[in-house]
Protein backbone atom coordinates (compact mmCIF):
# COMPACT_ATOMS: atom_id res chain seq x y z
CA UNK A 1 -22.68 -25.17 -1.63
CA UNK A 2 -20.03 -22.77 -0.34
CA UNK A 3 -22.04 -20.80 2.66
CA UNK A 4 -21.05 -18.26 4.35
CA UNK A 5 -19.22 -17.51 8.31
CA UNK A 6 -21.89 -17.71 10.88
CA UNK A 7 -24.85 -19.14 8.35
CA UNK A 8 -26.42 -22.01 9.52
CA UNK A 9 -28.87 -24.19 7.27
CA UNK A 10 -32.07 -21.53 7.70
CA UNK A 11 -29.81 -19.13 5.55
CA UNK A 12 -30.06 -17.55 2.01
CA UNK A 13 -28.16 -19.74 -0.16
CA UNK A 14 -26.06 -18.39 -3.00
CA UNK A 15 -25.37 -20.64 -5.87
CA UNK A 16 -21.33 -20.39 -7.39
CA UNK A 17 -20.89 -20.94 -11.17
CA UNK A 18 -18.12 -23.58 -10.27
CA UNK A 19 -20.36 -25.28 -7.80
CA UNK A 20 -24.11 -24.92 -8.95
CA UNK A 21 -26.35 -27.64 -8.67
CA UNK A 22 -29.98 -27.53 -7.99
CA UNK A 23 -30.60 -29.74 -4.79
CA UNK A 24 -33.76 -30.05 -2.71
CA UNK A 25 -33.05 -26.55 -1.34
CA UNK A 26 -33.36 -25.47 2.51
CA UNK A 27 -35.36 -22.16 1.50
CA UNK A 28 -34.28 -19.40 3.21
CA UNK A 29 -37.78 -18.39 4.55
CA UNK A 30 -38.25 -21.82 5.82
CA UNK A 31 -39.69 -24.47 4.80
CA UNK A 32 -56.28 -10.84 13.36
CA UNK A 33 -57.05 -8.86 16.32
CA UNK A 34 -58.75 -5.31 15.71
CA UNK A 35 -58.29 -2.36 18.09
CA UNK A 36 -60.06 1.48 18.51
CA UNK A 37 -58.04 3.88 16.77
CA UNK A 38 -57.61 6.86 19.55
CA UNK A 39 -59.52 9.29 16.84
CA UNK A 40 -62.62 7.49 16.54
CA UNK A 41 -63.21 7.24 20.19
CA UNK A 42 -66.29 9.65 21.22
CA UNK A 43 -67.21 10.51 24.96
CA UNK A 44 -70.04 8.91 26.26
CA UNK A 45 -73.45 10.94 25.20
CA UNK A 46 -74.38 11.53 28.90
CA UNK A 47 -70.87 12.66 29.99
CA UNK A 48 -70.98 15.88 32.14
CA UNK A 49 -69.39 18.99 30.96
CA UNK A 50 -65.88 19.23 31.97
CA UNK A 51 -65.20 21.98 34.59
CA UNK A 52 -64.60 25.31 33.07
CA UNK A 53 -66.84 25.01 30.54
CA UNK A 54 -68.47 27.99 28.92
CA UNK A 55 -71.67 27.53 27.43
CA UNK A 56 -72.26 29.17 23.68
CA UNK A 57 -75.05 31.47 22.59
CA UNK A 58 -76.17 28.18 21.09
CA UNK A 59 -76.19 26.34 24.77
CA UNK A 60 -78.38 29.39 26.79
CA UNK A 61 -81.89 28.75 26.88
CA UNK A 62 -84.77 30.78 25.28
CA UNK A 63 -87.64 32.34 28.04
CA UNK A 64 -90.46 33.08 26.17
CA UNK A 65 -92.34 35.68 28.42
CA UNK A 66 -95.99 36.56 27.27
CA UNK A 67 -94.71 40.35 27.99
CA UNK A 68 -92.17 40.25 25.65
CA UNK A 69 -92.42 41.80 22.12
CA UNK A 70 -91.84 39.27 19.72
CA UNK A 71 -89.71 39.61 16.84
CA UNK A 72 -90.21 36.88 13.74
CA UNK A 73 -86.46 35.42 13.66
CA UNK A 74 -84.85 33.26 11.04
CA UNK A 75 -84.67 29.70 12.62
CA UNK A 76 -80.68 29.30 12.76
CA UNK A 77 -79.86 26.32 10.56
CA UNK A 78 -79.49 23.08 12.20
CA UNK A 79 -76.27 22.13 14.06
CA UNK A 80 -74.27 19.95 11.69
CA UNK A 81 -74.32 16.21 13.48
CA UNK A 82 -71.22 15.67 15.21
CA UNK A 83 -67.97 14.32 12.82
CA UNK A 84 -65.52 11.98 14.30
CA UNK A 85 -61.97 13.82 14.64
CA UNK A 86 -60.43 13.62 11.32
CA UNK A 87 -57.29 11.78 11.26
CA UNK A 88 -55.95 8.42 9.32
CA UNK A 89 -57.77 5.03 9.59
CA UNK A 90 -56.77 2.13 10.75
CA UNK A 91 -53.37 0.11 10.40
CA UNK A 92 -52.35 -3.14 8.89
CA UNK A 93 -49.43 -5.08 7.86
CA UNK A 94 -48.96 -7.97 6.07
CA UNK A 95 -46.05 -10.16 6.20
CA UNK A 96 -44.34 -11.94 3.31
CA UNK A 97 -46.64 -13.65 0.32
CA UNK A 98 -44.34 -15.67 -1.93
CA UNK A 99 -46.94 -16.28 -4.86
CA UNK A 100 -49.43 -17.65 -2.71
CA UNK A 101 -52.16 -15.29 -4.24
CA UNK A 102 -55.04 -16.95 -3.13
CA UNK A 103 -53.74 -17.40 0.68
CA UNK A 104 -53.63 -13.44 0.35
CA UNK A 105 -56.54 -12.52 -1.06
CA UNK A 106 -58.64 -15.06 1.58
CA UNK A 107 -56.49 -12.82 4.52
CA UNK A 108 -57.52 -9.78 3.24
CA UNK A 109 -61.04 -10.68 2.72
CA UNK A 110 -60.78 -12.21 6.31
CA UNK A 111 -59.66 -8.98 7.92
CA UNK A 112 -62.16 -6.97 6.01
CA UNK A 113 -60.10 -4.68 3.84
CA UNK A 114 -61.38 -6.40 0.24
CA UNK A 115 -64.58 -7.62 -1.12
CA UNK A 116 -65.50 -10.63 -2.37
CA UNK A 117 -64.68 -9.61 -5.80
CA UNK A 118 -61.30 -8.61 -4.45
CA UNK A 119 -61.84 -4.68 -4.83
CA UNK A 120 -60.78 -2.64 -2.15
CA UNK A 121 -63.43 -1.96 0.84
CA UNK A 122 -61.30 -0.37 3.73
CA UNK A 123 -62.03 3.27 3.30
CA UNK A 124 -59.24 5.31 5.05
CA UNK A 125 -57.26 1.90 6.23
CA UNK A 126 -53.82 1.78 5.82
CA UNK A 127 -52.43 -1.08 4.50
CA UNK A 128 -48.23 -1.74 4.56
CA UNK A 129 -46.68 -5.02 2.96
CA UNK A 130 -43.45 -6.16 4.20
CA UNK A 131 -41.99 -6.98 1.18
CA UNK A 132 -41.22 -10.75 -0.56
CA UNK A 133 -44.48 -10.70 -3.14
CA UNK A 134 -42.74 -13.74 -5.71
CA UNK A 135 -40.72 -16.74 -5.38
CA UNK A 136 -41.67 -20.13 -4.19
CA UNK A 137 -45.45 -19.82 -4.75
CA UNK A 138 -47.33 -19.86 -7.80
CA UNK A 139 -48.32 -16.57 -9.05
CA UNK A 140 -45.55 -13.61 -7.91
CA UNK A 141 -46.77 -11.47 -10.60
CA UNK A 142 -50.49 -11.99 -9.25
CA UNK A 143 -49.47 -10.61 -6.20
CA UNK A 144 -47.78 -7.77 -7.77
CA UNK A 145 -50.63 -6.98 -10.08
CA UNK A 146 -52.97 -7.09 -6.92
CA UNK A 147 -51.10 -4.61 -4.48
CA UNK A 148 -50.63 -2.25 -7.53
CA UNK A 149 -54.44 -2.00 -8.14
CA UNK A 150 -55.23 -2.12 -4.96
CA UNK A 151 -52.91 0.82 -4.04
CA UNK A 152 -54.79 2.66 -6.55
CA UNK A 153 -58.27 1.75 -5.10
CA UNK A 154 -57.01 2.92 -1.54
CA UNK A 155 -55.61 5.90 -2.15
CA UNK A 156 -58.95 6.82 -4.28
CA UNK A 157 -61.14 5.52 -0.61
CA UNK A 158 -58.74 7.55 1.13
CA UNK A 159 -56.58 5.13 2.49
CA UNK A 160 -53.53 3.82 1.10
CA UNK A 161 -51.77 0.40 0.22
CA UNK A 162 -48.02 0.70 -0.24
CA UNK A 163 -44.96 -1.85 0.05
CA UNK A 164 -41.58 -2.38 0.99
CA UNK A 165 -38.76 -4.05 -0.71
CA UNK A 166 -37.79 -7.22 0.13
CA UNK A 167 -34.53 -9.12 -0.87
CA UNK A 168 -36.57 -11.30 -3.46
CA UNK A 169 -37.42 -8.34 -5.23
CA UNK A 170 -33.86 -6.99 -5.50
CA UNK A 171 -33.44 -10.98 -6.17
CA UNK A 172 -35.99 -11.02 -9.41
CA UNK A 173 -34.95 -7.47 -10.34
CA UNK A 174 -31.17 -8.91 -10.46
CA UNK A 175 -32.42 -11.87 -12.11
CA UNK A 176 -34.02 -9.79 -14.91
CA UNK A 177 -31.54 -7.59 -15.29
CA UNK A 178 -28.09 -9.15 -15.14
CA UNK A 179 -28.91 -12.98 -15.28
CA UNK A 180 -26.26 -14.97 -15.68
CA UNK A 181 -23.21 -12.10 -15.48
CA UNK A 182 -21.11 -13.05 -12.28
CA UNK A 183 -20.92 -11.19 -9.63
CA UNK A 184 -18.38 -11.26 -6.65
CA UNK A 185 -20.59 -12.97 -3.90
CA UNK A 186 -17.71 -13.14 -1.02
CA UNK A 187 -17.47 -16.53 -1.30
CA UNK A 188 -16.29 -17.07 -4.79
CA UNK A 189 -18.02 -16.26 -8.25
CA UNK A 190 -22.04 -16.46 -8.68
CA UNK A 191 -25.49 -14.92 -10.72
CA UNK A 192 -28.27 -13.56 -10.05
CA UNK A 193 -29.81 -16.28 -12.07
CA UNK A 194 -28.58 -19.24 -10.30
CA UNK A 195 -29.33 -18.03 -6.93
CA UNK A 196 -32.73 -17.00 -8.31
CA UNK A 197 -33.49 -20.47 -9.20
CA UNK A 198 -32.23 -21.89 -5.97
CA UNK A 199 -33.99 -19.78 -3.88
CA UNK A 200 -37.27 -20.60 -5.44
CA UNK A 201 -37.46 -18.61 -8.62
CA UNK A 202 -40.43 -19.52 -10.89
CA UNK A 203 -40.13 -19.53 -14.35
CA UNK A 204 -43.78 -18.08 -14.96
CA UNK A 205 -42.97 -15.19 -12.69
CA UNK A 206 -40.16 -14.35 -15.33
CA UNK A 207 -42.15 -14.80 -18.31
CA UNK A 208 -44.98 -12.31 -17.37
CA UNK A 209 -42.77 -9.58 -15.20
CA UNK A 210 -43.03 -6.85 -17.46
CA UNK A 211 -41.27 -3.32 -17.33
CA UNK A 212 -44.33 -1.96 -14.93
CA UNK A 213 -43.71 -4.50 -12.47
CA UNK A 214 -39.66 -3.96 -12.52
CA UNK A 215 -40.18 0.02 -12.48
CA UNK A 216 -42.60 -0.48 -9.38
CA UNK A 217 -40.24 -2.63 -7.58
CA UNK A 218 -36.92 -0.77 -8.27
CA UNK A 219 -38.99 2.76 -6.44
CA UNK A 220 -39.83 0.57 -3.12
CA UNK A 221 -38.87 1.93 -0.20
CA UNK A 222 -36.89 -0.32 2.25
CA UNK A 223 -37.68 1.83 5.64
CA UNK A 224 -40.68 3.23 6.83
CA UNK A 225 -42.33 4.55 10.19
CA UNK A 226 -45.79 4.72 10.61
CA UNK A 227 -47.66 5.46 13.95
CA UNK A 228 -44.08 4.55 16.30
CA UNK A 229 -43.74 1.08 14.30
CA UNK A 230 -40.26 0.56 12.24
CA UNK A 231 -41.39 -1.01 9.28
CA UNK A 232 -38.39 -3.27 7.40
CA UNK A 233 -38.43 -6.70 5.66
CA UNK A 234 -35.33 -8.30 7.28
CA UNK A 235 -34.81 -8.62 10.98
CA UNK A 236 -31.18 -7.20 10.23
CA UNK A 237 -29.17 -3.75 11.51
CA UNK A 238 -27.60 -4.09 7.75
CA UNK A 239 -30.01 -1.03 6.95
CA UNK A 240 -27.71 1.37 9.35
CA UNK A 241 -25.03 0.47 6.51
CA UNK A 242 -27.22 2.65 4.01
CA UNK A 243 -27.73 5.85 6.09
CA UNK A 244 -28.47 7.58 9.29
CA UNK A 245 -32.14 8.40 8.60
CA UNK A 246 -34.59 6.81 6.72
CA UNK A 247 -35.11 9.12 4.10
CA UNK A 248 -30.99 8.43 3.62
CA UNK A 249 -31.43 4.79 3.22
CA UNK A 250 -34.32 5.14 0.70
CA UNK A 251 -32.22 7.05 -1.25
CA UNK A 252 -29.42 4.90 -0.98
CA UNK A 253 -31.25 1.71 -2.49
CA UNK A 254 -33.11 3.74 -4.97
CA UNK A 255 -29.52 5.32 -6.44
CA UNK A 256 -28.01 1.99 -5.95
CA UNK A 257 -30.63 0.35 -8.15
CA UNK A 258 -30.41 3.07 -10.50
CA UNK A 259 -26.86 2.79 -11.12
CA UNK A 260 -27.45 -0.73 -12.40
CA UNK A 261 -24.02 -2.30 -11.11
CA UNK A 262 -24.50 -5.89 -11.26
CA UNK A 263 -21.63 -6.30 -7.83
CA UNK A 264 -23.57 -2.81 -5.75
CA UNK A 265 -26.49 -4.87 -6.52
CA UNK A 266 -25.68 -7.85 -5.35
CA UNK A 267 -24.00 -6.72 -2.16
CA UNK A 268 -27.55 -4.79 -1.30
CA UNK A 269 -29.08 -8.42 -1.61
CA UNK A 270 -26.73 -9.95 0.23
CA UNK A 271 -27.41 -7.60 2.96
CA UNK A 272 -30.87 -7.44 3.03
CA UNK A 273 -30.82 -11.52 3.09
CA UNK A 274 -29.44 -11.45 6.82
CA UNK A 275 -31.61 -12.39 9.48
CA UNK A 276 -31.78 -13.51 13.09
CA UNK A 277 -30.30 -9.95 14.47
CA UNK A 278 -32.73 -9.48 16.86
CA UNK A 279 -33.48 -13.44 18.12
CA UNK A 280 -30.50 -14.59 20.02
CA UNK A 281 -28.41 -13.13 22.35
CA UNK A 282 -28.29 -8.96 22.02
CA UNK A 283 -31.22 -8.78 20.16
CA UNK A 284 -33.05 -6.37 22.18
CA UNK A 285 -30.00 -4.17 22.00
CA UNK A 286 -29.89 -4.84 18.13
CA UNK A 287 -33.29 -3.84 17.83
CA UNK A 288 -32.68 -0.39 19.61
CA UNK A 289 -29.83 0.28 17.37
CA UNK A 290 -32.22 0.67 14.57
CA UNK A 291 -35.07 2.64 16.67
CA UNK A 292 -32.57 5.20 17.97
CA UNK A 293 -30.99 6.03 14.30
CA UNK A 294 -34.58 6.00 12.60
CA UNK A 295 -37.20 6.18 15.19
CA UNK A 296 -40.32 4.02 16.16
CA UNK A 297 -40.58 2.29 19.79
CA UNK A 298 -40.97 -1.59 17.56
CA UNK A 299 -40.01 -3.09 14.81
CA UNK A 300 -42.10 -4.93 12.52
CA UNK A 301 -40.17 -7.27 10.28
CA UNK A 302 -41.18 -9.92 8.00
CA UNK A 303 -38.58 -12.46 6.28
CA UNK A 304 -37.60 -14.82 8.96
CA UNK A 305 -40.39 -17.08 9.45
CA UNK A 306 -41.77 -17.36 12.94
CA UNK A 307 -41.08 -20.96 13.04
CA UNK A 308 -37.17 -20.42 12.56
CA UNK A 309 -37.45 -17.93 15.17
CA UNK A 310 -39.24 -19.78 17.68
CA UNK A 311 -36.72 -22.83 16.90
CA UNK A 312 -38.42 -25.34 15.26
CA UNK A 313 -38.01 -26.29 11.58
CA UNK A 314 -40.97 -26.87 9.14
CA UNK A 315 -41.16 -28.81 5.70
CA UNK A 316 -41.48 -27.25 2.26
CA UNK A 317 -42.91 -30.29 0.92
CA UNK A 318 -46.37 -29.62 3.29
CA UNK A 319 -45.70 -32.70 5.45
CA UNK A 320 -46.79 -31.91 9.00
CA UNK A 321 -44.53 -29.73 11.00
CA UNK A 322 -43.66 -30.68 14.90
CA UNK A 323 -43.36 -27.03 15.85
CA UNK A 324 -46.39 -24.56 17.18
CA UNK A 325 -49.21 -23.41 14.86
CA UNK A 326 -48.37 -20.02 13.92
CA UNK A 327 -52.07 -18.03 14.13
CA UNK A 328 -50.38 -14.48 14.80
CA UNK A 329 -47.38 -12.18 14.81
CA UNK A 330 -44.22 -13.02 17.11
CA UNK A 331 -43.36 -10.35 19.44
CA UNK A 332 -39.81 -11.20 20.86
CA UNK A 333 -36.57 -8.94 21.50
CA UNK A 334 -37.90 -7.60 24.94
CA UNK A 335 -41.15 -6.84 23.08
CA UNK A 336 -39.72 -4.57 20.43
CA UNK A 337 -39.48 -6.61 17.38
CA UNK A 338 -42.73 -7.84 15.76
CA UNK A 339 -42.35 -10.87 13.19
CA UNK A 340 -44.85 -11.22 10.49
CA UNK A 341 -44.24 -14.16 8.18
CA UNK A 342 -46.50 -16.49 9.38
CA UNK A 343 -43.85 -19.61 7.17
CA UNK A 344 -47.06 -19.27 4.10
CA UNK A 345 -44.32 -21.07 1.64
CA UNK A 346 -43.78 -24.44 4.68
CA UNK A 347 -47.73 -24.61 4.83
CA UNK A 348 -48.13 -22.07 7.78
CA UNK A 349 -50.09 -18.90 7.73
CA UNK A 350 -50.00 -15.32 5.56
CA UNK A 351 -50.51 -13.00 8.11
CA UNK A 352 -52.38 -9.77 8.40
CA UNK A 353 -52.49 -7.78 11.06
CA UNK A 354 -53.76 -4.67 12.43
CA UNK A 355 -51.77 -2.44 14.90
CA UNK A 356 -51.18 -1.95 17.81
CA UNK A 357 -51.44 -5.42 18.44
CA UNK A 358 -54.37 -6.27 21.38
CA UNK A 359 -52.28 -8.10 23.85
């Protein structure tokens, strides 16, 4: 199998027609803290009036003197109870799911976002998935169906559930649209079908894939900024190749998919598959290049499993890993990057995390 320059064993592998075989692959993905939203803060009831406060007529005392003419007056309606300041609900992000529907449901329930029956119960909460819903795990289409349903339920409750496009969404779209059509991979001739199978494609997902799933995936945004967090799927600066604003990147990605050119979509998939740009020397500067272009103060991403970012290699066969147990996001690159792929495909943890981090 030919690998591109600079790629290690953890890199996404692409299959070539002349050299395709299905070995025991090293998959590209590798083998909950609440905080108070500023809008929910209410000053103590016994707090003194601030300096310069001017009472309104309602605040003035009523003096009832016996020699004062009493005029019947309709009682004023009771003042409404103070309401918390209107504003968005708490923000949560979800790392790579990769078809692990049961683990996703359990993690969402643990955070109080869905109830025992799997329905949205988080009101105005805002929930972002960082991409990679399918492949490797047993029920990628079930994951997409859940996210689509929660999107409608959250919107009806005043919140939202949204999703970003990951490289595996591009891979599944390509496998469905182009199949065995040869594409120029940059390292010989490849096909989406071969690459999809090599990187965990599940026949049951392809069999259950419907037009509305394809349309939903093709419309996903690639980049978003929320509350100062720049949300992306991949830990790469390749987004800069597609525009100098969030809107431009998202438009370019959607237009590329609309043109339906196999080579163009392959190039998009290849760039979204790059990783580790923030991990090594110069990583903080790479993060800053994205923040300076698109806004935000920290990047939040999935794609690269945290054990890989920590220099640990896990096992995709469920064997016990010698690396640290992942219990939460990994903050690195001078505190500018937050990694959210807990390595569910390698017996790790599917992370659902409220932002900001309480650390």
